């Protein structure tokens, strides 16, 4: 049986050199999420950065199916609680 390779942590190096310093490098942590977004970006040491990204690409298929179902349920719930459009185009006080 083949071992599963974990691509959720990726290190990139040999970037542009910092002024009087080392070459820039970054560690990227991928997390499962419904859309792609940068959750965190920090400089953790001189010219070393850490990014946390949320993306569906980091989900296993079962987890992605669960997230998709949850998003659909949340959207249905949100529609139930939305206020109807005002016929006058503004809120009455």
Protein backbone atom coordinates (compact mmCIF):
# COMPACT_ATOMS: atom_id res chain seq x y z
CA UNK A 1 0.00 0.00 0.00
CA UNK A 2 1.38 3.41 -0.97
CA UNK A 3 1.80 6.06 1.68
CA UNK A 4 -0.33 9.14 1.23
CA UNK A 5 1.74 12.27 0.64
CA UNK A 6 0.62 15.26 2.68
CA UNK A 7 0.70 18.46 0.64
CA UNK A 8 -0.90 20.65 3.33
CA UNK A 9 2.48 22.13 4.40
CA UNK A 10 4.70 23.49 1.68
CA UNK A 11 7.98 25.35 2.00
CA UNK A 12 9.27 27.67 -0.69
CA UNK A 13 12.81 29.01 -0.54
CA UNK A 14 15.49 30.83 -2.50
CA UNK A 15 13.38 33.96 -2.93
CA UNK A 16 14.58 37.51 -3.38
CA UNK A 17 17.28 38.41 -0.86
CA UNK A 18 16.36 40.75 1.95
CA UNK A 19 18.45 43.89 2.29
CA UNK A 20 21.66 42.72 3.99
CA UNK A 21 19.96 39.48 4.88
CA UNK A 22 19.05 35.99 3.78
CA UNK A 23 16.91 34.99 0.82
CA UNK A 24 13.20 35.17 1.52
CA UNK A 25 11.34 31.93 2.23
CA UNK A 26 7.78 31.01 3.12
CA UNK A 27 5.96 28.14 4.78
CA UNK A 28 2.40 27.69 3.48
CA UNK A 29 -0.15 25.78 5.56
CA UNK A 30 -3.24 24.70 3.59
CA UNK A 31 -6.51 24.08 5.42
CA UNK A 32 -9.77 22.67 4.16
CA UNK A 33 -12.43 25.31 3.57
CA UNK A 34 -15.34 26.17 1.30
CA UNK A 35 -13.46 28.83 -0.66
CA UNK A 36 -9.91 30.04 -1.21
CA UNK A 37 -8.76 32.75 1.17
CA UNK A 38 -5.65 33.88 3.04
CA UNK A 39 -6.42 33.39 6.73
CA UNK A 40 -3.10 34.58 8.11
CA UNK A 41 0.16 36.07 6.87
CA UNK A 42 2.97 36.74 9.33
CA UNK A 43 6.69 37.41 9.23
CA UNK A 44 8.08 34.87 11.64
CA UNK A 45 11.71 35.80 11.74
CA UNK A 46 13.82 37.82 9.37
CA UNK A 47 12.71 37.24 5.77
CA UNK A 48 10.75 34.10 6.74
CA UNK A 49 7.00 34.25 6.24
CA UNK A 50 4.17 31.93 7.21
CA UNK A 51 0.87 31.90 5.34
CA UNK A 52 -2.25 30.00 6.29
CA UNK A 53 -4.57 29.46 3.33
CA UNK A 54 -8.05 27.99 3.29
CA UNK A 55 -8.97 26.13 0.10
CA UNK A 56 -11.25 23.31 -1.08
CA UNK A 57 -8.14 21.76 -2.66
CA UNK A 58 -6.97 20.77 0.84
CA UNK A 59 -10.16 18.83 1.61
CA UNK A 60 -10.54 15.11 1.30
CA UNK A 61 -13.61 14.25 -0.83
CA UNK A 62 -15.84 13.31 2.13
CA UNK A 63 -14.95 16.50 3.99
CA UNK A 64 -15.60 18.60 0.88
CA UNK A 65 -19.02 16.95 0.42
CA UNK A 66 -19.86 17.74 4.07
CA UNK A 67 -18.80 21.39 3.63
CA UNK A 68 -20.81 21.74 0.41
CA UNK A 69 -23.92 20.37 2.14
CA UNK A 70 -23.38 22.71 5.12
CA UNK A 71 -23.04 25.75 2.85
CA UNK A 72 -26.26 24.82 1.02
CA UNK A 73 -28.09 24.41 4.34
CA UNK A 74 -26.74 27.73 5.61
CA UNK A 75 -27.92 29.47 2.43
CA UNK A 76 -31.41 27.99 2.81
CA UNK A 77 -31.52 29.15 6.44
CA UNK A 78 -30.29 32.61 5.50
CA UNK A 79 -33.05 33.01 2.90
CA UNK A 80 -35.69 32.10 5.49
CA UNK A 81 -34.54 34.92 7.79
CA UNK A 82 -34.05 37.62 5.16
CA UNK A 83 -36.33 40.61 5.49
CA UNK A 84 -38.71 41.05 2.54
CA UNK A 85 -37.95 43.91 0.17
CA UNK A 86 -39.75 47.13 1.05
CA UNK A 87 -42.24 48.21 -1.60
CA UNK A 88 -41.35 51.85 -0.97
CA UNK A 89 -37.63 51.35 -1.53
CA UNK A 90 -36.79 52.48 2.01
CA UNK A 91 -37.35 51.46 5.61
CA UNK A 92 -40.35 52.94 7.38
CA UNK A 93 -39.56 54.38 10.81
